[in-house]
Amino acid sequence: MTANPVQSTLAMHQSPRCTAHSKRTGKPCGSPAVRGWAVCRMHGARGGAPKGERNGAYRHGGYTQEALAASQYVRALVKLVKPSLDEIA
């Protein structure tokens, strides 16, 4: 038997490995990383909840990306106007 899996040239053995490390031992995961990600499927690749109403926790939309961007814009405008208001008083 001459087949040594450590020296294998198969694509599955040559694939990039997960970069996650164990909290307990500190050793790397070693599982194949998902294509386009640095980690394997068990360590967060393609994870996360759906956006918007498809997520079950959606209630009113006050913290959506659009609402947060609008509030940042308003804060920036107030910051620009506030120094001129201080000069008037």
PDB file of N, CA and C in Angstrom:
ATOM      1  N   MET A   1       0.843  -1.179   0.000  1.00  0.00           N
ATOM      2  CA  MET A   1       0.000   0.000   0.000  1.00  0.00           C
ATOM      3  C   MET A   1       0.889   1.244   0.000  1.00  0.00           C
ATOM      4  N   THR A   2       0.891   1.969  -1.115  1.00  0.00           N
ATOM      5  CA  THR A   2       1.782   3.115  -1.242  1.00  0.00           C
ATOM      6  C   THR A   2       1.048   4.447  -1.170  1.00  0.00           C
ATOM      7  N   ALA A   3      -0.267   4.421  -1.094  1.00  0.00           N
ATOM      8  CA  ALA A   3      -1.027   5.669  -1.067  1.00  0.00           C
ATOM      9  C   ALA A   3      -0.903   6.335   0.304  1.00  0.00           C
ATOM     10  N   ASN A   4      -0.307   7.511   0.324  1.00  0.00           N
ATOM     11  CA  ASN A   4      -0.147   8.268   1.566  1.00  0.00           C
ATOM     12  C   ASN A   4      -1.074   9.488   1.498  1.00  0.00           C
ATOM     13  N   PRO A   5      -2.110   9.580   2.340  1.00  0.00           N
ATOM     14  CA  PRO A   5      -3.055  10.690   2.244  1.00  0.00           C
ATOM     15  C   PRO A   5      -2.422  12.045   2.557  1.00  0.00           C
ATOM     16  N   VAL A   6      -1.309  12.062   3.258  1.00  0.00           N
ATOM     17  CA  VAL A   6      -0.641  13.327   3.569  1.00  0.00           C
ATOM     18  C   VAL A   6      -0.041  13.931   2.302  1.00  0.00           C
ATOM     19  N   GLN A   7       0.395  13.101   1.376  1.00  0.00           N
ATOM     20  CA  GLN A   7       1.015  13.573   0.145  1.00  0.00           C
ATOM     21  C   GLN A   7       0.059  13.488  -1.041  1.00  0.00           C
ATOM     22  N   SER A   8      -1.222  13.484  -0.794  1.00  0.00           N
ATOM     23  CA  SER A   8      -2.217  13.352  -1.846  1.00  0.00           C
ATOM     24  C   SER A   8      -2.263  14.596  -2.725  1.00  0.00           C
ATOM     25  N   THR A   9      -2.547  14.404  -3.997  1.00  0.00           N
ATOM     26  CA  THR A   9      -2.672  15.526  -4.928  1.00  0.00           C
ATOM     27  C   THR A   9      -4.118  15.769  -5.333  1.00  0.00           C
ATOM     28  N   LEU A  10      -5.075  15.129  -4.663  1.00  0.00           N
ATOM     29  CA  LEU A  10      -6.474  15.355  -4.968  1.00  0.00           C
ATOM     30  C   LEU A  10      -6.864  16.783  -4.602  1.00  0.00           C
ATOM     31  N   ALA A  11      -7.819  17.339  -5.338  1.00  0.00           N
ATOM     32  CA  ALA A  11      -8.229  18.715  -5.101  1.00  0.00           C
ATOM     33  C   ALA A  11      -8.792  18.915  -3.701  1.00  0.00           C
ATOM     34  N   MET A  12      -9.515  17.922  -3.184  1.00  0.00           N
ATOM     35  CA  MET A  12     -10.106  18.077  -1.859  1.00  0.00           C
ATOM     36  C   MET A  12      -9.047  18.119  -0.761  1.00  0.00           C
ATOM     37  N   HIS A  13      -7.904  17.514  -1.012  1.00  0.00           N
ATOM     38  CA  HIS A  13      -6.831  17.546  -0.022  1.00  0.00           C
ATOM     39  C   HIS A  13      -5.969  18.799  -0.166  1.00  0.00           C
ATOM     40  N   GLN A  14      -6.004  19.438  -1.320  1.00  0.00           N
ATOM     41  CA  GLN A  14      -5.199  20.633  -1.563  1.00  0.00           C
ATOM     42  C   GLN A  14      -5.966  21.923  -1.287  1.00  0.00           C
ATOM     43  N   SER A  15      -7.231  21.827  -0.923  1.00  0.00           N
ATOM     44  CA  SER A  15      -8.057  23.024  -0.716  1.00  0.00           C
ATOM     45  C   SER A  15      -7.596  23.808   0.500  1.00  0.00           C
ATOM     46  N   PRO A  16      -7.855  25.135   0.539  1.00  0.00           N
ATOM     47  CA  PRO A  16      -7.480  25.940   1.704  1.00  0.00           C
ATOM     48  C   PRO A  16      -8.217  25.473   2.946  1.00  0.00           C
ATOM     49  N   ARG A  17      -7.593  25.618   4.074  1.00  0.00           N
ATOM     50  CA  ARG A  17      -8.149  25.142   5.336  1.00  0.00           C
ATOM     51  C   ARG A  17      -8.759  26.291   6.137  1.00  0.00           C
ATOM     52  N   CYS A  18      -9.664  25.948   7.036  1.00  0.00           N
ATOM     53  CA  CYS A  18     -10.353  26.905   7.896  1.00  0.00           C
ATOM     54  C   CYS A  18      -9.336  27.609   8.795  1.00  0.00           C
ATOM     55  N   THR A  19      -9.487  28.919   8.965  1.00  0.00           N
ATOM     56  CA  THR A  19      -8.546  29.688   9.772  1.00  0.00           C
ATOM     57  C   THR A  19      -8.983  29.826  11.225  1.00  0.00           C
ATOM     58  N   ALA A  20     -10.125  29.249  11.592  1.00  0.00           N
ATOM     59  CA  ALA A  20     -10.619  29.345  12.968  1.00  0.00           C
ATOM     60  C   ALA A  20      -9.782  28.473  13.898  1.00  0.00           C
ATOM     61  N   HIS A  21      -9.658  28.940  15.151  1.00  0.00           N
ATOM     62  CA  HIS A  21      -8.908  28.194  16.157  1.00  0.00           C
ATOM     63  C   HIS A  21      -9.826  27.870  17.329  1.00  0.00           C
ATOM     64  N   SER A  22      -9.536  26.758  17.981  1.00  0.00           N
ATOM     65  CA  SER A  22     -10.310  26.330  19.137  1.00  0.00           C
ATOM     66  C   SER A  22      -9.998  27.219  20.338  1.00  0.00           C
ATOM     67  N   LYS A  23     -11.046  27.601  21.089  1.00  0.00           N
ATOM     68  CA  LYS A  23     -10.825  28.378  22.308  1.00  0.00           C
ATOM     69  C   LYS A  23     -10.102  27.549  23.362  1.00  0.00           C
ATOM     70  N   ARG A  24     -10.420  26.282  23.409  1.00  0.00           N
ATOM     71  CA  ARG A  24      -9.907  25.422  24.466  1.00  0.00           C
ATOM     72  C   ARG A  24      -8.471  24.982  24.205  1.00  0.00           C
ATOM     73  N   THR A  25      -8.197  24.496  23.005  1.00  0.00           N
ATOM     74  CA  THR A  25      -6.868  23.953  22.724  1.00  0.00           C
ATOM     75  C   THR A  25      -5.975  24.928  21.972  1.00  0.00           C
ATOM     76  N   GLY A  26      -6.569  25.866  21.251  1.00  0.00           N
ATOM     77  CA  GLY A  26      -5.777  26.805  20.461  1.00  0.00           C
ATOM     78  C   GLY A  26      -5.336  26.249  19.123  1.00  0.00           C
ATOM     79  N   LYS A  27      -5.732  25.016  18.822  1.00  0.00           N
ATOM     80  CA  LYS A  27      -5.340  24.395  17.556  1.00  0.00           C
ATOM     81  C   LYS A  27      -6.268  24.846  16.435  1.00  0.00           C
ATOM     82  N   PRO A  28      -5.759  24.897  15.195  1.00  0.00           N
ATOM     83  CA  PRO A  28      -6.616  25.281  14.072  1.00  0.00           C
ATOM     84  C   PRO A  28      -7.646  24.210  13.750  1.00  0.00           C
ATOM     85  N   CYS A  29      -8.734  24.608  13.121  1.00  0.00           N
ATOM     86  CA  CYS A  29      -9.842  23.704  12.810  1.00  0.00           C
ATOM     87  C   CYS A  29      -9.400  22.598  11.860  1.00  0.00           C
ATOM     88  N   GLY A  30      -8.853  22.955  10.715  1.00  0.00           N
ATOM     89  CA  GLY A  30      -8.370  21.953   9.771  1.00  0.00           C
ATOM     90  C   GLY A  30      -9.379  21.495   8.745  1.00  0.00           C
ATOM     91  N   SER A  31     -10.649  21.869   8.899  1.00  0.00           N
ATOM     92  CA  SER A  31     -11.650  21.497   7.904  1.00  0.00           C
ATOM     93  C   SER A  31     -11.455  22.340   6.646  1.00  0.00           C
ATOM     94  N   PRO A  32     -11.911  21.866   5.497  1.00  0.00           N
ATOM     95  CA  PRO A  32     -11.790  22.677   4.282  1.00  0.00           C
ATOM     96  C   PRO A  32     -12.635  23.938   4.388  1.00  0.00           C
ATOM     97  N   ALA A  33     -12.078  25.068   3.978  1.00  0.00           N
ATOM     98  CA  ALA A  33     -12.805  26.335   3.990  1.00  0.00           C
ATOM     99  C   ALA A  33     -13.806  26.354   2.835  1.00  0.00           C
ATOM    100  N   VAL A  34     -14.916  27.052   3.035  1.00  0.00           N
ATOM    101  CA  VAL A  34     -15.917  27.205   1.984  1.00  0.00           C
ATOM    102  C   VAL A  34     -15.341  28.123   0.912  1.00  0.00           C
ATOM    103  N   ARG A  35     -15.608  27.836  -0.354  1.00  0.00           N
ATOM    104  CA  ARG A  35     -15.078  28.637  -1.456  1.00  0.00           C
ATOM    105  C   ARG A  35     -15.494  30.101  -1.295  1.00  0.00           C
ATOM    106  N   GLY A  36     -14.512  31.001  -1.298  1.00  0.00           N
ATOM    107  CA  GLY A  36     -14.774  32.422  -1.143  1.00  0.00           C
ATOM    108  C   GLY A  36     -14.768  32.895   0.303  1.00  0.00           C
ATOM    109  N   TRP A  37     -14.555  32.010   1.243  1.00  0.00           N
ATOM    110  CA  TRP A  37     -14.537  32.344   2.662  1.00  0.00           C
ATOM    111  C   TRP A  37     -13.222  31.850   3.263  1.00  0.00           C
ATOM    112  N   ALA A  38     -12.878  32.383   4.435  1.00  0.00           N
ATOM    113  CA  ALA A  38     -11.660  31.941   5.120  1.00  0.00           C
ATOM    114  C   ALA A  38     -11.954  30.862   6.147  1.00  0.00           C
ATOM    115  N   VAL A  39     -13.232  30.594   6.394  1.00  0.00           N
ATOM    116  CA  VAL A  39     -13.609  29.617   7.418  1.00  0.00           C
ATOM    117  C   VAL A  39     -14.504  28.537   6.822  1.00  0.00           C
ATOM    118  N   CYS A  40     -14.683  27.460   7.595  1.00  0.00           N
ATOM    119  CA  CYS A  40     -15.528  26.345   7.151  1.00  0.00           C
ATOM    120  C   CYS A  40     -16.992  26.644   7.467  1.00  0.00           C
ATOM    121  N   ARG A  41     -17.863  25.750   7.088  1.00  0.00           N
ATOM    122  CA  ARG A  41     -19.299  25.955   7.298  1.00  0.00           C
ATOM    123  C   ARG A  41     -19.669  25.935   8.774  1.00  0.00           C
ATOM    124  N   MET A  42     -18.877  25.244   9.589  1.00  0.00           N
ATOM    125  CA  MET A  42     -19.172  25.172  11.014  1.00  0.00           C
ATOM    126  C   MET A  42     -18.740  26.437  11.760  1.00  0.00           C
ATOM    127  N   HIS A  43     -17.860  27.231  11.164  1.00  0.00           N
ATOM    128  CA  HIS A  43     -17.345  28.418  11.841  1.00  0.00           C
ATOM    129  C   HIS A  43     -17.858  29.719  11.224  1.00  0.00           C
ATOM    130  N   GLY A  44     -18.975  29.678  10.520  1.00  0.00           N
ATOM    131  CA  GLY A  44     -19.629  30.912  10.132  1.00  0.00           C
ATOM    132  C   GLY A  44     -19.708  31.244   8.667  1.00  0.00           C
ATOM    133  N   ALA A  45     -19.187  30.427   7.798  1.00  0.00           N
ATOM    134  CA  ALA A  45     -19.303  30.740   6.377  1.00  0.00           C
ATOM    135  C   ALA A  45     -20.756  30.646   5.950  1.00  0.00           C
ATOM    136  N   ARG A  46     -21.228  31.637   5.250  1.00  0.00           N
ATOM    137  CA  ARG A  46     -22.606  31.723   4.756  1.00  0.00           C
ATOM    138  C   ARG A  46     -23.627  31.781   5.880  1.00  0.00           C
ATOM    139  N   GLY A  47     -23.206  32.188   7.045  1.00  0.00           N
ATOM    140  CA  GLY A  47     -24.121  32.234   8.177  1.00  0.00           C
ATOM    141  C   GLY A  47     -24.856  33.558   8.249  1.00  0.00           C
ATOM    142  N   GLY A  48     -25.740  33.683   9.210  1.00  0.00           N
ATOM    143  CA  GLY A  48     -26.444  34.929   9.438  1.00  0.00           C
ATOM    144  C   GLY A  48     -27.914  34.820   9.123  1.00  0.00           C
ATOM    145  N   ALA A  49     -28.659  35.752   9.664  1.00  0.00           N
ATOM    146  CA  ALA A  49     -30.104  35.768   9.475  1.00  0.00           C
ATOM    147  C   ALA A  49     -30.460  36.518   8.196  1.00  0.00           C
ATOM    148  N   PRO A  50     -31.642  36.264   7.646  1.00  0.00           N
ATOM    149  CA  PRO A  50     -32.067  37.009   6.467  1.00  0.00           C
ATOM    150  C   PRO A  50     -32.333  38.467   6.813  1.00  0.00           C
ATOM    151  N   LYS A  51     -32.238  39.341   5.831  1.00  0.00           N
ATOM    152  CA  LYS A  51     -32.422  40.774   6.039  1.00  0.00           C
ATOM    153  C   LYS A  51     -33.889  41.153   5.979  1.00  0.00           C
ATOM    154  N   GLY A  52     -34.262  42.173   6.735  1.00  0.00           N
ATOM    155  CA  GLY A  52     -35.591  42.771   6.640  1.00  0.00           C
ATOM    156  C   GLY A  52     -36.706  41.923   7.205  1.00  0.00           C
ATOM    157  N   GLU A  53     -37.845  41.950   6.544  1.00  0.00           N
ATOM    158  CA  GLU A  53     -39.045  41.286   7.051  1.00  0.00           C
ATOM    159  C   GLU A  53     -38.927  39.769   7.053  1.00  0.00           C
ATOM    160  N   ARG A  54     -38.023  39.233   6.257  1.00  0.00           N
ATOM    161  CA  ARG A  54     -37.844  37.779   6.240  1.00  0.00           C
ATOM    162  C   ARG A  54     -37.270  37.283   7.559  1.00  0.00           C
ATOM    163  N   ASN A  55     -36.610  38.176   8.309  1.00  0.00           N
ATOM    164  CA  ASN A  55     -36.112  37.823   9.631  1.00  0.00           C
ATOM    165  C   ASN A  55     -37.291  37.902  10.597  1.00  0.00           C
ATOM    166  N   GLY A  56     -37.478  36.919  11.443  1.00  0.00           N
ATOM    167  CA  GLY A  56     -38.624  36.887  12.337  1.00  0.00           C
ATOM    168  C   GLY A  56     -38.636  37.982  13.382  1.00  0.00           C
ATOM    169  N   ALA A  57     -37.499  38.638  13.628  1.00  0.00           N
ATOM    170  CA  ALA A  57     -37.418  39.655  14.661  1.00  0.00           C
ATOM    171  C   ALA A  57     -37.776  41.045  14.134  1.00  0.00           C
ATOM    172  N   TYR A  58     -38.185  41.160  12.873  1.00  0.00           N
ATOM    173  CA  TYR A  58     -38.509  42.460  12.278  1.00  0.00           C
ATOM    174  C   TYR A  58     -39.798  42.991  12.892  1.00  0.00           C
ATOM    175  N   ARG A  59     -39.775  44.226  13.419  1.00  0.00           N
ATOM    176  CA  ARG A  59     -40.950  44.792  14.063  1.00  0.00           C
ATOM    177  C   ARG A  59     -41.448  46.065  13.381  1.00  0.00           C
ATOM    178  N   HIS A  60     -40.614  47.092  13.337  1.00  0.00           N
ATOM    179  CA  HIS A  60     -41.108  48.387  12.874  1.00  0.00           C
ATOM    180  C   HIS A  60     -40.207  49.061  11.852  1.00  0.00           C
ATOM    181  N   GLY A  61     -38.988  48.623  11.677  1.00  0.00           N
ATOM    182  CA  GLY A  61     -38.107  49.207  10.671  1.00  0.00           C
ATOM    183  C   GLY A  61     -37.322  50.409  11.155  1.00  0.00           C
ATOM    184  N   GLY A  62     -37.356  50.700  12.444  1.00  0.00           N
ATOM    185  CA  GLY A  62     -36.640  51.850  12.979  1.00  0.00           C
ATOM    186  C   GLY A  62     -35.132  51.696  12.968  1.00  0.00           C
ATOM    187  N   TYR A  63     -34.650  50.481  12.851  1.00  0.00           N
ATOM    188  CA  TYR A  63     -33.212  50.235  12.862  1.00  0.00           C
ATOM    189  C   TYR A  63     -32.742  49.599  11.550  1.00  0.00           C
ATOM    190  N   THR A  64     -33.468  49.806  10.479  1.00  0.00           N
ATOM    191  CA  THR A  64     -33.037  49.300   9.179  1.00  0.00           C
ATOM    192  C   THR A  64     -31.853  50.124   8.694  1.00  0.00           C
ATOM    193  N   GLN A  65     -31.147  49.628   7.692  1.00  0.00           N
ATOM    194  CA  GLN A  65     -29.994  50.347   7.159  1.00  0.00           C
ATOM    195  C   GLN A  65     -30.405  51.710   6.624  1.00  0.00           C
ATOM    196  N   GLU A  66     -31.576  51.779   6.008  1.00  0.00           N
ATOM    197  CA  GLU A  66     -32.039  53.061   5.458  1.00  0.00           C
ATOM    198  C   GLU A  66     -32.343  54.058   6.574  1.00  0.00           C
ATOM    199  N   ALA A  67     -32.989  53.586   7.648  1.00  0.00           N
ATOM    200  CA  ALA A  67     -33.329  54.477   8.762  1.00  0.00           C
ATOM    201  C   ALA A  67     -32.070  54.963   9.470  1.00  0.00           C
ATOM    202  N   LEU A  68     -31.100  54.095   9.661  1.00  0.00           N
ATOM    203  CA  LEU A  68     -29.856  54.500  10.309  1.00  0.00           C
ATOM    204  C   LEU A  68     -29.082  55.487   9.445  1.00  0.00           C
ATOM    205  N   ALA A  69     -29.078  55.275   8.136  1.00  0.00           N
ATOM    206  CA  ALA A  69     -28.395  56.206   7.233  1.00  0.00           C
ATOM    207  C   ALA A  69     -29.073  57.574   7.254  1.00  0.00           C
ATOM    208  N   ALA A  70     -30.404  57.594   7.303  1.00  0.00           N
ATOM    209  CA  ALA A  70     -31.130  58.859   7.354  1.00  0.00           C
ATOM    210  C   ALA A  70     -30.826  59.612   8.647  1.00  0.00           C
ATOM    211  N   SER A  71     -30.764  58.899   9.775  1.00  0.00           N
ATOM    212  CA  SER A  71     -30.476  59.581  11.036  1.00  0.00           C
ATOM    213  C   SER A  71     -29.038  60.094  11.072  1.00  0.00           C
ATOM    214  N   GLN A  72     -28.107  59.388  10.470  1.00  0.00           N
ATOM    215  CA  GLN A  72     -26.730  59.874  10.385  1.00  0.00           C
ATOM    216  C   GLN A  72     -26.656  61.136   9.538  1.00  0.00           C
ATOM    217  N   TYR A  73     -27.421  61.170   8.460  1.00  0.00           N
ATOM    218  CA  TYR A  73     -27.453  62.341   7.588  1.00  0.00           C
ATOM    219  C   TYR A  73     -28.006  63.549   8.339  1.00  0.00           C
ATOM    220  N   VAL A  74     -29.078  63.356   9.086  1.00  0.00           N
ATOM    221  CA  VAL A  74     -29.673  64.449   9.851  1.00  0.00           C
ATOM    222  C   VAL A  74     -28.699  64.935  10.918  1.00  0.00           C
ATOM    223  N   ARG A  75     -28.011  64.015  11.592  1.00  0.00           N
ATOM    224  CA  ARG A  75     -27.030  64.419  12.611  1.00  0.00           C
ATOM    225  C   ARG A  75     -25.897  65.241  11.996  1.00  0.00           C
ATOM    226  N   ALA A  76     -25.455  64.852  10.803  1.00  0.00           N
ATOM    227  CA  ALA A  76     -24.391  65.599  10.125  1.00  0.00           C
ATOM    228  C   ALA A  76     -24.869  67.009   9.757  1.00  0.00           C
ATOM    229  N   LEU A  77     -26.114  67.126   9.310  1.00  0.00           N
ATOM    230  CA  LEU A  77     -26.662  68.455   8.986  1.00  0.00           C
ATOM    231  C   LEU A  77     -26.760  69.322  10.234  1.00  0.00           C
ATOM    232  N   VAL A  78     -27.207  68.742  11.337  1.00  0.00           N
ATOM    233  CA  VAL A  78     -27.320  69.501  12.591  1.00  0.00           C
ATOM    234  C   VAL A  78     -25.940  69.951  13.048  1.00  0.00           C
ATOM    235  N   LYS A  79     -24.953  69.104  12.872  1.00  0.00           N
ATOM    236  CA  LYS A  79     -23.587  69.444  13.270  1.00  0.00           C
ATOM    237  C   LYS A  79     -23.059  70.621  12.443  1.00  0.00           C
ATOM    238  N   LEU A  80     -23.439  70.682  11.173  1.00  0.00           N
ATOM    239  CA  LEU A  80     -23.016  71.799  10.319  1.00  0.00           C
ATOM    240  C   LEU A  80     -23.729  73.097  10.693  1.00  0.00           C
ATOM    241  N   VAL A  81     -24.987  73.001  11.070  1.00  0.00           N
ATOM    242  CA  VAL A  81     -25.794  74.186  11.353  1.00  0.00           C
ATOM    243  C   VAL A  81     -25.544  74.693  12.770  1.00  0.00           C
ATOM    244  N   LYS A  82     -25.235  73.831  13.712  1.00  0.00           N
ATOM    245  CA  LYS A  82     -25.117  74.205  15.113  1.00  0.00           C
ATOM    246  C   LYS A  82     -24.079  75.298  15.376  1.00  0.00           C
ATOM    247  N   PRO A  83     -22.874  75.276  14.794  1.00  0.00           N
ATOM    248  CA  PRO A  83     -21.926  76.369  15.046  1.00  0.00           C
ATOM    249  C   PRO A  83     -22.478  77.737  14.644  1.00  0.00           C
ATOM    250  N   SER A  84     -23.232  77.799  13.552  1.00  0.00           N
ATOM    251  CA  SER A  84     -23.790  79.085  13.142  1.00  0.00           C
ATOM    252  C   SER A  84     -24.870  79.540  14.104  1.00  0.00           C
ATOM    253  N   LEU A  85     -25.590  78.630  14.755  1.00  0.00           N
ATOM    254  CA  LEU A  85     -26.590  79.006  15.756  1.00  0.00           C
ATOM    255  C   LEU A  85     -25.925  79.537  17.009  1.00  0.00           C
ATOM    256  N   ASP A  86     -24.758  79.002  17.363  1.00  0.00           N
ATOM    257  CA  ASP A  86     -24.040  79.473  18.535  1.00  0.00           C
ATOM    258  C   ASP A  86     -23.515  80.898  18.334  1.00  0.00           C
ATOM    259  N   GLU A  87     -23.183  81.259  17.073  1.00  0.00           N
ATOM    260  CA  GLU A  87     -22.693  82.602  16.779  1.00  0.00           C
ATOM    261  C   GLU A  87     -23.815  83.626  16.918  1.00  0.00           C
ATOM    262  N   ILE A  88     -25.047  83.239  16.615  1.00  0.00           N
ATOM    263  CA  ILE A  88     -26.191  84.154  16.684  1.00  0.00           C
ATOM    264  C   ILE A  88     -26.502  84.478  18.141  1.00  0.00           C
ATOM    265  N   ALA A  89     -26.409  83.518  19.016  1.00  0.00           N
ATOM    266  CA  ALA A  89     -26.788  83.714  20.421  1.00  0.00           C
ATOM    267  C   ALA A  89     -25.755  84.437  21.214  1.00  0.00           C
TER     268      ALA A  89
END
